Amino acid sequence: MTETTRSQAQFCRQTIIIKKALQYKYMAIMAISVLVGFLIFAMEVGWSLASVYREHPALLDPLFTQLGLLLPAFLLKVVIYFVIVLLVAGVISHKMAGPIYKFEKSASTLCTGDLTHRIFLRKGDQLTELQGAINGMASSLQELVKTDRAAAQKIAAELENLAASVQEPPVREKLLALAETAKTITMGFKI
């Protein structure tokens, strides 16, 4: 493996954002969910403090003064927590996007006729049931094509035997042409 190929392979393994649209959408959903939850919690705490403040303003005045002083640090922490949520969402979305990316590439490979291709996901990736289903489908198709290829080869051999026993040249040529055609059946598949 050349140095360039090795560095490219290494780069691919370290890429967290594989399917940008899917992962960014997933990350946005998670971030918005956390933000909405935080806002609901903040409003609930605010309403509770406001009701206590209406009844006992002297009790909460020192608290509100301290909260006013701590607000910039609190907002900085909220931003840091939000960034952490985005990073965690990115890693989690990678566990979904990686397999989806592999499924798309594998579907392309299978469409070319390579029925020997199988999908192998990493430990911890999602969608392993789908991996099993697609690999099972490829195995079943591979066996069907093997059976059809064997039948086509048998038919080709029989046609060649018939052609050898026929005396009329046009019929012999037609049988040999049919034998050649039968030999090509399923040859578009790699089994």
N, C-alpha and C. Protein backbone atom coordinates (compact mmCIF):
# COMPACT_ATOMS: atom_id res chain seq x y z
N MET A 1 0.85 -1.18 0.00
CA MET A 1 0.00 0.00 0.00
C MET A 1 0.89 1.23 0.00
N THR A 2 0.65 2.12 -0.92
CA THR A 2 1.48 3.32 -1.00
C THR A 2 1.15 4.26 0.15
N GLU A 3 2.04 5.22 0.37
CA GLU A 3 1.84 6.18 1.47
C GLU A 3 0.58 7.01 1.25
N THR A 4 0.31 7.40 0.00
CA THR A 4 -0.88 8.19 -0.31
C THR A 4 -2.14 7.39 -0.03
N THR A 5 -2.17 6.13 -0.51
CA THR A 5 -3.32 5.28 -0.29
C THR A 5 -3.53 5.04 1.20
N ARG A 6 -2.44 4.81 1.93
CA ARG A 6 -2.54 4.57 3.37
C ARG A 6 -3.11 5.80 4.07
N SER A 7 -2.64 6.99 3.70
CA SER A 7 -3.14 8.20 4.36
C SER A 7 -4.60 8.46 3.98
N GLN A 8 -4.99 8.14 2.73
CA GLN A 8 -6.38 8.30 2.33
C GLN A 8 -7.26 7.32 3.10
N ALA A 9 -6.83 6.07 3.23
CA ALA A 9 -7.61 5.08 3.97
C ALA A 9 -7.72 5.50 5.43
N GLN A 10 -6.63 6.00 5.99
CA GLN A 10 -6.64 6.45 7.37
C GLN A 10 -7.59 7.64 7.52
N PHE A 11 -7.56 8.56 6.55
CA PHE A 11 -8.45 9.71 6.60
C PHE A 11 -9.91 9.27 6.57
N CYS A 12 -10.23 8.31 5.73
CA CYS A 12 -11.61 7.84 5.62
C CYS A 12 -12.10 7.25 6.93
N ARG A 13 -11.24 6.54 7.62
CA ARG A 13 -11.65 5.94 8.88
C ARG A 13 -11.88 6.98 9.96
N GLN A 14 -11.25 8.12 9.85
CA GLN A 14 -11.36 9.13 10.88
C GLN A 14 -12.41 10.19 10.55
N THR A 15 -13.07 10.10 9.44
CA THR A 15 -14.06 11.07 9.05
C THR A 15 -15.34 10.81 9.83
N ILE A 16 -15.79 11.82 10.57
CA ILE A 16 -17.01 11.69 11.36
C ILE A 16 -18.23 12.05 10.52
N ILE A 17 -18.13 13.07 9.71
CA ILE A 17 -19.27 13.49 8.87
C ILE A 17 -19.13 12.80 7.52
N ILE A 18 -19.93 11.76 7.31
CA ILE A 18 -19.87 10.97 6.09
C ILE A 18 -20.98 11.39 5.13
N LYS A 19 -22.19 11.48 5.65
CA LYS A 19 -23.35 11.89 4.86
C LYS A 19 -23.86 13.20 5.46
N LYS A 20 -23.35 14.29 4.92
CA LYS A 20 -23.57 15.61 5.53
C LYS A 20 -25.04 15.93 5.77
N ALA A 21 -25.87 15.80 4.75
CA ALA A 21 -27.28 16.19 4.89
C ALA A 21 -27.96 15.39 6.00
N LEU A 22 -27.76 14.09 5.99
CA LEU A 22 -28.39 13.23 7.00
C LEU A 22 -27.86 13.56 8.40
N GLN A 23 -26.57 13.66 8.53
CA GLN A 23 -25.98 13.87 9.85
C GLN A 23 -26.30 15.27 10.38
N TYR A 24 -26.23 16.28 9.54
CA TYR A 24 -26.55 17.63 10.01
C TYR A 24 -28.02 17.71 10.43
N LYS A 25 -28.88 17.05 9.70
CA LYS A 25 -30.31 17.04 10.06
C LYS A 25 -30.49 16.36 11.41
N TYR A 26 -29.84 15.22 11.59
CA TYR A 26 -29.94 14.48 12.85
C TYR A 26 -29.36 15.30 14.00
N MET A 27 -28.24 15.94 13.77
CA MET A 27 -27.62 16.77 14.81
C MET A 27 -28.52 17.95 15.15
N ALA A 28 -29.15 18.56 14.16
CA ALA A 28 -30.05 19.68 14.41
C ALA A 28 -31.25 19.24 15.22
N ILE A 29 -31.80 18.08 14.89
CA ILE A 29 -32.95 17.56 15.65
C ILE A 29 -32.56 17.35 17.10
N MET A 30 -31.41 16.74 17.33
CA MET A 30 -30.97 16.51 18.72
C MET A 30 -30.71 17.82 19.44
N ALA A 31 -30.05 18.76 18.79
CA ALA A 31 -29.72 20.04 19.42
C ALA A 31 -30.99 20.83 19.73
N ILE A 32 -31.92 20.85 18.80
CA ILE A 32 -33.18 21.56 19.04
C ILE A 32 -33.97 20.91 20.16
N SER A 33 -33.97 19.58 20.20
CA SER A 33 -34.66 18.87 21.28
C SER A 33 -34.08 19.24 22.64
N VAL A 34 -32.76 19.26 22.74
CA VAL A 34 -32.11 19.62 24.00
C VAL A 34 -32.41 21.08 24.33
N LEU A 35 -32.36 21.95 23.34
CA LEU A 35 -32.62 23.37 23.56
C LEU A 35 -34.06 23.59 24.03
N VAL A 36 -35.01 22.93 23.40
CA VAL A 36 -36.41 23.05 23.81
C VAL A 36 -36.58 22.54 25.24
N GLY A 37 -35.97 21.41 25.55
CA GLY A 37 -36.04 20.89 26.92
C GLY A 37 -35.45 21.86 27.93
N PHE A 38 -34.32 22.46 27.57
CA PHE A 38 -33.70 23.43 28.47
C PHE A 38 -34.59 24.65 28.66
N LEU A 39 -35.18 25.14 27.56
CA LEU A 39 -36.06 26.31 27.66
C LEU A 39 -37.29 26.02 28.51
N ILE A 40 -37.86 24.84 28.35
CA ILE A 40 -39.02 24.47 29.17
C ILE A 40 -38.62 24.43 30.64
N PHE A 41 -37.47 23.84 30.92
CA PHE A 41 -36.99 23.79 32.30
C PHE A 41 -36.73 25.19 32.84
N ALA A 42 -36.09 26.05 32.04
CA ALA A 42 -35.79 27.42 32.47
C ALA A 42 -37.08 28.20 32.73
N MET A 43 -38.08 28.03 31.87
CA MET A 43 -39.35 28.72 32.09
C MET A 43 -40.04 28.23 33.35
N GLU A 44 -39.98 26.95 33.60
CA GLU A 44 -40.60 26.38 34.80
C GLU A 44 -39.92 26.93 36.06
N VAL A 45 -38.60 26.97 36.06
CA VAL A 45 -37.87 27.53 37.20
C VAL A 45 -38.18 29.01 37.35
N GLY A 46 -38.22 29.74 36.22
CA GLY A 46 -38.54 31.17 36.25
C GLY A 46 -39.93 31.43 36.80
N TRP A 47 -40.91 30.68 36.36
CA TRP A 47 -42.27 30.87 36.86
C TRP A 47 -42.35 30.55 38.36
N SER A 48 -41.66 29.48 38.77
CA SER A 48 -41.67 29.14 40.20
C SER A 48 -41.03 30.24 41.03
N LEU A 49 -39.88 30.75 40.58
CA LEU A 49 -39.21 31.83 41.31
C LEU A 49 -40.06 33.10 41.31
N ALA A 50 -40.73 33.38 40.19
CA ALA A 50 -41.57 34.58 40.12
C ALA A 50 -42.73 34.50 41.10
N SER A 51 -43.33 33.32 41.23
CA SER A 51 -44.45 33.19 42.18
C SER A 51 -43.96 33.33 43.62
N VAL A 52 -42.78 32.80 43.93
CA VAL A 52 -42.22 32.96 45.27
C VAL A 52 -41.84 34.42 45.50
N TYR A 53 -41.31 35.08 44.47
CA TYR A 53 -40.89 36.48 44.59
C TYR A 53 -42.10 37.39 44.87
N ARG A 54 -43.24 37.10 44.23
CA ARG A 54 -44.43 37.91 44.47
C ARG A 54 -44.86 37.84 45.93
N GLU A 55 -44.69 36.69 46.56
CA GLU A 55 -45.11 36.53 47.95
C GLU A 55 -44.03 36.97 48.94
N HIS A 56 -42.77 36.77 48.60
CA HIS A 56 -41.66 37.09 49.51
C HIS A 56 -40.54 37.79 48.75
N PRO A 57 -40.72 39.04 48.36
CA PRO A 57 -39.69 39.72 47.56
C PRO A 57 -38.36 39.89 48.30
N ALA A 58 -38.41 40.15 49.59
CA ALA A 58 -37.17 40.37 50.34
C ALA A 58 -36.33 39.10 50.42
N LEU A 59 -37.00 37.98 50.40
CA LEU A 59 -36.30 36.70 50.48
C LEU A 59 -35.46 36.44 49.23
N LEU A 60 -35.97 36.81 48.06
CA LEU A 60 -35.29 36.47 46.80
C LEU A 60 -34.44 37.60 46.22
N ASP A 61 -34.52 38.82 46.78
CA ASP A 61 -33.70 39.92 46.25
C ASP A 61 -32.21 39.58 46.23
N PRO A 62 -31.64 39.05 47.31
CA PRO A 62 -30.21 38.70 47.25
C PRO A 62 -29.91 37.61 46.20
N LEU A 63 -30.85 36.68 46.08
CA LEU A 63 -30.67 35.61 45.10
C LEU A 63 -30.64 36.18 43.68
N PHE A 64 -31.58 37.06 43.34
CA PHE A 64 -31.62 37.65 42.01
C PHE A 64 -30.39 38.51 41.75
N THR A 65 -29.89 39.17 42.76
CA THR A 65 -28.67 39.96 42.60
C THR A 65 -27.50 39.04 42.25
N GLN A 66 -27.37 37.93 42.96
CA GLN A 66 -26.30 36.96 42.68
C GLN A 66 -26.47 36.34 41.29
N LEU A 67 -27.72 36.00 40.94
CA LEU A 67 -27.98 35.41 39.61
C LEU A 67 -27.60 36.40 38.50
N GLY A 68 -27.85 37.68 38.72
CA GLY A 68 -27.48 38.68 37.73
C GLY A 68 -25.98 38.73 37.52
N LEU A 69 -25.23 38.54 38.60
CA LEU A 69 -23.77 38.53 38.50
C LEU A 69 -23.25 37.26 37.83
N LEU A 70 -23.95 36.16 38.05
CA LEU A 70 -23.52 34.86 37.50
C LEU A 70 -24.04 34.59 36.09
N LEU A 71 -24.91 35.46 35.59
CA LEU A 71 -25.54 35.22 34.28
C LEU A 71 -24.53 35.04 33.14
N PRO A 72 -23.49 35.87 33.01
CA PRO A 72 -22.54 35.65 31.90
C PRO A 72 -21.86 34.27 31.97
N ALA A 73 -21.46 33.85 33.17
CA ALA A 73 -20.84 32.53 33.31
C ALA A 73 -21.84 31.43 33.00
N PHE A 74 -23.08 31.64 33.42
CA PHE A 74 -24.13 30.67 33.16
C PHE A 74 -24.37 30.53 31.65
N LEU A 75 -24.44 31.65 30.93
CA LEU A 75 -24.66 31.61 29.49
C LEU A 75 -23.49 30.94 28.77
N LEU A 76 -22.27 31.18 29.24
CA LEU A 76 -21.10 30.52 28.66
C LEU A 76 -21.20 29.01 28.84
N LYS A 77 -21.63 28.59 30.04
CA LYS A 77 -21.80 27.15 30.29
C LYS A 77 -22.87 26.55 29.38
N VAL A 78 -23.95 27.29 29.15
CA VAL A 78 -25.01 26.81 28.26
C VAL A 78 -24.46 26.61 26.86
N VAL A 79 -23.64 27.54 26.38
CA VAL A 79 -23.03 27.41 25.05
C VAL A 79 -22.11 26.19 25.01
N ILE A 80 -21.32 26.00 26.07
CA ILE A 80 -20.42 24.84 26.13
C ILE A 80 -21.23 23.54 26.14
N TYR A 81 -22.31 23.48 26.91
CA TYR A 81 -23.16 22.29 26.93
C TYR A 81 -23.78 22.03 25.57
N PHE A 82 -24.16 23.11 24.89
CA PHE A 82 -24.76 22.98 23.57
C PHE A 82 -23.74 22.43 22.57
N VAL A 83 -22.50 22.88 22.66
CA VAL A 83 -21.44 22.36 21.79
C VAL A 83 -21.20 20.88 22.08
N ILE A 84 -21.21 20.52 23.36
CA ILE A 84 -21.04 19.10 23.73
C ILE A 84 -22.17 18.27 23.14
N VAL A 85 -23.40 18.78 23.21
CA VAL A 85 -24.55 18.06 22.63
C VAL A 85 -24.35 17.87 21.13
N LEU A 86 -23.86 18.90 20.45
CA LEU A 86 -23.61 18.79 19.00
C LEU A 86 -22.54 17.75 18.70
N LEU A 87 -21.48 17.72 19.51
CA LEU A 87 -20.42 16.73 19.30
C LEU A 87 -20.93 15.31 19.52
N VAL A 88 -21.68 15.14 20.60
CA VAL A 88 -22.25 13.80 20.88
C VAL A 88 -23.21 13.41 19.76
N ALA A 89 -24.03 14.37 19.30
CA ALA A 89 -24.96 14.09 18.20
C ALA A 89 -24.19 13.72 16.94
N GLY A 90 -23.05 14.36 16.70
CA GLY A 90 -22.24 14.03 15.53
C GLY A 90 -21.71 12.61 15.59
N VAL A 91 -21.23 12.21 16.77
CA VAL A 91 -20.71 10.84 16.92
C VAL A 91 -21.84 9.82 16.79
N ILE A 92 -22.98 10.11 17.42
CA ILE A 92 -24.11 9.18 17.34
C ILE A 92 -24.63 9.10 15.92
N SER A 93 -24.72 10.24 15.24
CA SER A 93 -25.21 10.21 13.86
C SER A 93 -24.26 9.45 12.95
N HIS A 94 -22.98 9.46 13.29
CA HIS A 94 -21.99 8.71 12.51
C HIS A 94 -22.28 7.21 12.58
N LYS A 95 -22.79 6.75 13.71
CA LYS A 95 -23.12 5.33 13.86
C LYS A 95 -24.27 4.92 12.95
N MET A 96 -25.06 5.90 12.51
CA MET A 96 -26.13 5.62 11.56
C MET A 96 -25.67 5.90 10.13
N ALA A 97 -24.98 7.02 9.95
CA ALA A 97 -24.60 7.44 8.60
C ALA A 97 -23.56 6.51 7.99
N GLY A 98 -22.65 5.99 8.81
CA GLY A 98 -21.62 5.07 8.30
C GLY A 98 -22.24 3.85 7.64
N PRO A 99 -23.14 3.15 8.35
CA PRO A 99 -23.80 2.00 7.71
C PRO A 99 -24.62 2.38 6.48
N ILE A 100 -25.32 3.51 6.54
CA ILE A 100 -26.11 3.92 5.37
C ILE A 100 -25.19 4.16 4.18
N TYR A 101 -24.06 4.79 4.42
CA TYR A 101 -23.08 5.01 3.35
C TYR A 101 -22.60 3.67 2.79
N LYS A 102 -22.30 2.71 3.67
CA LYS A 102 -21.86 1.39 3.21
C LYS A 102 -22.96 0.69 2.41
N PHE A 103 -24.22 0.84 2.85
CA PHE A 103 -25.33 0.21 2.13
C PHE A 103 -25.45 0.80 0.72
N GLU A 104 -25.30 2.11 0.60
CA GLU A 104 -25.37 2.73 -0.72
C GLU A 104 -24.26 2.24 -1.63
N LYS A 105 -23.04 2.19 -1.10
CA LYS A 105 -21.91 1.70 -1.90
C LYS A 105 -22.10 0.23 -2.26
N SER A 106 -22.58 -0.55 -1.33
CA SER A 106 -22.80 -1.98 -1.58
C SER A 106 -23.91 -2.20 -2.60
N ALA A 107 -24.95 -1.38 -2.54
CA ALA A 107 -26.02 -1.49 -3.53
C ALA A 107 -25.47 -1.22 -4.93
N SER A 108 -24.59 -0.24 -5.03
CA SER A 108 -23.96 0.05 -6.33
C SER A 108 -23.13 -1.13 -6.81
N THR A 109 -22.39 -1.74 -5.91
CA THR A 109 -21.57 -2.90 -6.27
C THR A 109 -22.45 -4.07 -6.70
N LEU A 110 -23.52 -4.33 -5.94
CA LEU A 110 -24.43 -5.43 -6.29
C LEU A 110 -25.11 -5.16 -7.63
N CYS A 111 -25.41 -3.90 -7.92
CA CYS A 111 -26.04 -3.56 -9.21
C CYS A 111 -25.13 -3.85 -10.39
N THR A 112 -23.83 -3.88 -10.17
CA THR A 112 -22.92 -4.21 -11.27
C THR A 112 -22.89 -5.71 -11.53
N GLY A 113 -23.53 -6.50 -10.66
CA GLY A 113 -23.58 -7.95 -10.85
C GLY A 113 -22.64 -8.72 -9.95
N ASP A 114 -21.94 -8.05 -9.05
CA ASP A 114 -21.01 -8.74 -8.14
C ASP A 114 -21.78 -9.30 -6.95
N LEU A 115 -22.21 -10.56 -7.09
CA LEU A 115 -22.99 -11.20 -6.03
C LEU A 115 -22.11 -11.80 -4.93
N THR A 116 -20.80 -11.65 -5.05
CA THR A 116 -19.89 -12.11 -3.99
C THR A 116 -19.72 -11.03 -2.92
N HIS A 117 -20.15 -9.82 -3.23
CA HIS A 117 -19.96 -8.69 -2.30
C HIS A 117 -20.84 -8.86 -1.06
N ARG A 118 -20.27 -8.59 0.09
CA ARG A 118 -21.00 -8.62 1.36
C ARG A 118 -20.71 -7.34 2.12
N ILE A 119 -21.64 -6.97 2.99
CA ILE A 119 -21.50 -5.77 3.81
C ILE A 119 -20.99 -6.20 5.18
N PHE A 120 -19.98 -5.50 5.67
CA PHE A 120 -19.46 -5.75 7.01
C PHE A 120 -19.44 -4.42 7.76
N LEU A 121 -20.24 -4.34 8.81
CA LEU A 121 -20.29 -3.13 9.63
C LEU A 121 -19.34 -3.27 10.80
N ARG A 122 -18.97 -2.12 11.36
CA ARG A 122 -18.09 -2.12 12.52
C ARG A 122 -18.88 -2.43 13.78
N LYS A 123 -18.19 -2.89 14.78
CA LYS A 123 -18.82 -3.15 16.08
C LYS A 123 -19.38 -1.82 16.60
N GLY A 124 -20.61 -1.84 17.03
CA GLY A 124 -21.24 -0.65 17.57
C GLY A 124 -22.06 0.12 16.55
N ASP A 125 -21.93 -0.21 15.25
CA ASP A 125 -22.73 0.48 14.24
C ASP A 125 -24.19 0.03 14.36
N GLN A 126 -25.07 0.88 13.89
CA GLN A 126 -26.50 0.57 13.87
C GLN A 126 -26.84 -0.17 12.58
N LEU A 127 -28.06 -0.65 12.50
CA LEU A 127 -28.61 -1.28 11.29
C LEU A 127 -27.98 -2.63 10.96
N THR A 128 -27.54 -3.36 11.98
CA THR A 128 -26.93 -4.66 11.72
C THR A 128 -27.96 -5.67 11.20
N GLU A 129 -29.25 -5.48 11.55
CA GLU A 129 -30.28 -6.38 11.03
C GLU A 129 -30.41 -6.22 9.52
N LEU A 130 -30.33 -4.96 9.07
CA LEU A 130 -30.39 -4.70 7.63
C LEU A 130 -29.17 -5.28 6.93
N GLN A 131 -28.02 -5.22 7.57
CA GLN A 131 -26.81 -5.83 7.02
C GLN A 131 -27.06 -7.32 6.79
N GLY A 132 -27.62 -7.99 7.78
CA GLY A 132 -27.90 -9.42 7.64
C GLY A 132 -28.90 -9.71 6.52
N ALA A 133 -29.92 -8.86 6.42
CA ALA A 133 -30.94 -9.07 5.38
C ALA A 133 -30.34 -8.88 3.98
N ILE A 134 -29.54 -7.85 3.80
CA ILE A 134 -28.94 -7.60 2.48
C ILE A 134 -27.93 -8.69 2.14
N ASN A 135 -27.11 -9.10 3.10
CA ASN A 135 -26.15 -10.18 2.84
C ASN A 135 -26.88 -11.49 2.54
N GLY A 136 -28.00 -11.74 3.23
CA GLY A 136 -28.80 -12.93 2.94
C GLY A 136 -29.39 -12.88 1.55
N MET A 137 -29.87 -11.70 1.15
CA MET A 137 -30.42 -11.54 -0.20
C MET A 137 -29.34 -11.79 -1.25
N ALA A 138 -28.15 -11.25 -1.03
CA ALA A 138 -27.06 -11.44 -1.99
C ALA A 138 -26.68 -12.92 -2.08
N SER A 139 -26.65 -13.61 -0.94
CA SER A 139 -26.33 -15.05 -0.94
C SER A 139 -27.38 -15.84 -1.70
N SER A 140 -28.66 -15.51 -1.46
CA SER A 140 -29.74 -16.22 -2.17
C SER A 140 -29.65 -15.99 -3.67
N LEU A 141 -29.44 -14.75 -4.07
CA LEU A 141 -29.30 -14.45 -5.50
C LEU A 141 -28.09 -15.16 -6.10
N GLN A 142 -27.01 -15.21 -5.34
CA GLN A 142 -25.80 -15.88 -5.80
C GLN A 142 -26.08 -17.36 -6.06
N GLU A 143 -26.80 -18.01 -5.16
CA GLU A 143 -27.12 -19.43 -5.34
C GLU A 143 -28.06 -19.64 -6.53
N LEU A 144 -29.04 -18.74 -6.69
CA LEU A 144 -29.95 -18.85 -7.83
C LEU A 144 -29.19 -18.70 -9.15
N VAL A 145 -28.30 -17.75 -9.20
CA VAL A 145 -27.53 -17.52 -10.43
C VAL A 145 -26.59 -18.70 -10.69
N LYS A 146 -25.99 -19.26 -9.64
CA LYS A 146 -25.14 -20.45 -9.82
C LYS A 146 -25.96 -21.60 -10.41
N THR A 147 -27.16 -21.79 -9.90
CA THR A 147 -28.03 -22.86 -10.40
C THR A 147 -28.40 -22.60 -11.86
N ASP A 148 -28.78 -21.36 -12.17
CA ASP A 148 -29.14 -21.02 -13.55
C ASP A 148 -27.94 -21.14 -14.48
N ARG A 149 -26.77 -20.75 -14.02
CA ARG A 149 -25.57 -20.85 -14.86
C ARG A 149 -25.26 -22.32 -15.15
N ALA A 150 -25.38 -23.17 -14.14
CA ALA A 150 -25.12 -24.61 -14.36
C ALA A 150 -26.12 -25.18 -15.36
N ALA A 151 -27.40 -24.76 -15.23
CA ALA A 151 -28.42 -25.24 -16.17
C ALA A 151 -28.12 -24.72 -17.58
N ALA A 152 -27.72 -23.48 -17.71
CA ALA A 152 -27.41 -22.91 -19.02
C ALA A 152 -26.21 -23.62 -19.64
N GLN A 153 -25.19 -23.95 -18.83
CA GLN A 153 -24.02 -24.66 -19.35
C GLN A 153 -24.41 -26.08 -19.81
N LYS A 154 -25.30 -26.69 -19.05
CA LYS A 154 -25.77 -28.04 -19.43
C LYS A 154 -26.54 -27.98 -20.75
N ILE A 155 -27.38 -26.97 -20.89
CA ILE A 155 -28.13 -26.81 -22.14
C ILE A 155 -27.17 -26.53 -23.31
N ALA A 156 -26.15 -25.71 -23.07
CA ALA A 156 -25.17 -25.41 -24.11
C ALA A 156 -24.45 -26.67 -24.55
N ALA A 157 -24.07 -27.51 -23.58
CA ALA A 157 -23.38 -28.76 -23.92
C ALA A 157 -24.30 -29.69 -24.73
N GLU A 158 -25.57 -29.76 -24.33
CA GLU A 158 -26.52 -30.60 -25.08
C GLU A 158 -26.72 -30.08 -26.50
N LEU A 159 -26.79 -28.76 -26.65
CA LEU A 159 -26.94 -28.17 -27.98
C LEU A 159 -25.72 -28.46 -28.85
N GLU A 160 -24.52 -28.41 -28.25
CA GLU A 160 -23.30 -28.72 -29.00
C GLU A 160 -23.28 -30.20 -29.41
N ASN A 161 -23.72 -31.08 -28.52
CA ASN A 161 -23.81 -32.51 -28.85
C ASN A 161 -24.80 -32.74 -29.99
N LEU A 162 -25.94 -32.05 -29.93
CA LEU A 162 -26.93 -32.17 -31.00
C LEU A 162 -26.35 -31.66 -32.32
N ALA A 163 -25.64 -30.53 -32.24
CA ALA A 163 -25.05 -29.94 -33.45
C ALA A 163 -24.06 -30.91 -34.09
N ALA A 164 -23.32 -31.65 -33.25
CA ALA A 164 -22.33 -32.59 -33.79
C ALA A 164 -23.01 -33.75 -34.52
N SER A 165 -24.22 -34.08 -34.11
CA SER A 165 -24.90 -35.22 -34.75
C SER A 165 -25.77 -34.82 -35.93
N VAL A 166 -25.96 -33.54 -36.15
CA VAL A 166 -26.81 -33.06 -37.25
C VAL A 166 -25.96 -32.92 -38.51
N GLN A 167 -26.54 -33.37 -39.65
CA GLN A 167 -25.82 -33.32 -40.93
C GLN A 167 -26.04 -32.02 -41.69
N GLU A 168 -27.19 -31.39 -41.53
CA GLU A 168 -27.49 -30.17 -42.29
C GLU A 168 -26.71 -28.99 -41.70
N PRO A 169 -25.87 -28.31 -42.50
CA PRO A 169 -25.07 -27.19 -42.00
C PRO A 169 -25.89 -26.03 -41.41
N PRO A 170 -27.02 -25.62 -42.01
CA PRO A 170 -27.76 -24.50 -41.41
C PRO A 170 -28.30 -24.84 -40.03
N VAL A 171 -28.75 -26.07 -39.85
CA VAL A 171 -29.29 -26.48 -38.54
C VAL A 171 -28.14 -26.58 -37.53
N ARG A 172 -27.02 -27.15 -37.97
CA ARG A 172 -25.86 -27.27 -37.08
C ARG A 172 -25.40 -25.88 -36.63
N GLU A 173 -25.30 -24.94 -37.58
CA GLU A 173 -24.88 -23.57 -37.24
C GLU A 173 -25.85 -22.92 -36.27
N LYS A 174 -27.13 -23.16 -36.47
CA LYS A 174 -28.15 -22.59 -35.57
C LYS A 174 -28.02 -23.18 -34.18
N LEU A 175 -27.80 -24.48 -34.09
CA LEU A 175 -27.62 -25.13 -32.78
C LEU A 175 -26.36 -24.63 -32.07
N LEU A 176 -25.28 -24.46 -32.82
CA LEU A 176 -24.04 -23.94 -32.23
C LEU A 176 -24.21 -22.49 -31.77
N ALA A 177 -24.95 -21.70 -32.54
CA ALA A 177 -25.21 -20.31 -32.14
C ALA A 177 -26.04 -20.28 -30.86
N LEU A 178 -27.03 -21.17 -30.78
CA LEU A 178 -27.85 -21.25 -29.56
C LEU A 178 -27.00 -21.70 -28.37
N ALA A 179 -26.06 -22.62 -28.62
CA ALA A 179 -25.17 -23.09 -27.55
C ALA A 179 -24.31 -21.93 -27.03
N GLU A 180 -23.80 -21.11 -27.95
CA GLU A 180 -22.98 -19.96 -27.54
C GLU A 180 -23.82 -18.95 -26.75
N THR A 181 -25.05 -18.76 -27.18
CA THR A 181 -25.94 -17.85 -26.45
C THR A 181 -26.23 -18.39 -25.06
N ALA A 182 -26.48 -19.68 -24.95
CA ALA A 182 -26.76 -20.29 -23.64
C ALA A 182 -25.56 -20.15 -22.70
N LYS A 183 -24.34 -20.21 -23.25
CA LYS A 183 -23.14 -20.07 -22.42
C LYS A 183 -23.03 -18.67 -21.80
N THR A 184 -23.64 -17.68 -22.43
CA THR A 184 -23.54 -16.31 -21.93
C THR A 184 -24.60 -15.98 -20.88
N ILE A 185 -25.57 -16.88 -20.71
CA ILE A 185 -26.62 -16.61 -19.71
C ILE A 185 -25.99 -16.52 -18.32
N THR A 186 -26.29 -15.49 -17.62
CA THR A 186 -25.82 -15.15 -16.24
C THR A 186 -24.35 -14.78 -16.20
N MET A 187 -23.70 -14.60 -17.35
CA MET A 187 -22.28 -14.26 -17.32
C MET A 187 -22.05 -12.82 -16.86
N GLY A 188 -23.12 -12.03 -16.77
CA GLY A 188 -23.00 -10.67 -16.28
C GLY A 188 -22.87 -10.61 -14.76
N PHE A 189 -23.01 -11.76 -14.13
CA PHE A 189 -22.92 -11.82 -12.67
C PHE A 189 -21.61 -12.43 -12.23
N LYS A 190 -21.03 -11.85 -11.20
CA LYS A 190 -19.85 -12.44 -10.57
C LYS A 190 -20.35 -13.28 -9.41
N ILE A 191 -20.09 -14.60 -9.49
CA ILE A 191 -20.57 -15.49 -8.43
C ILE A 191 -19.39 -16.22 -7.81
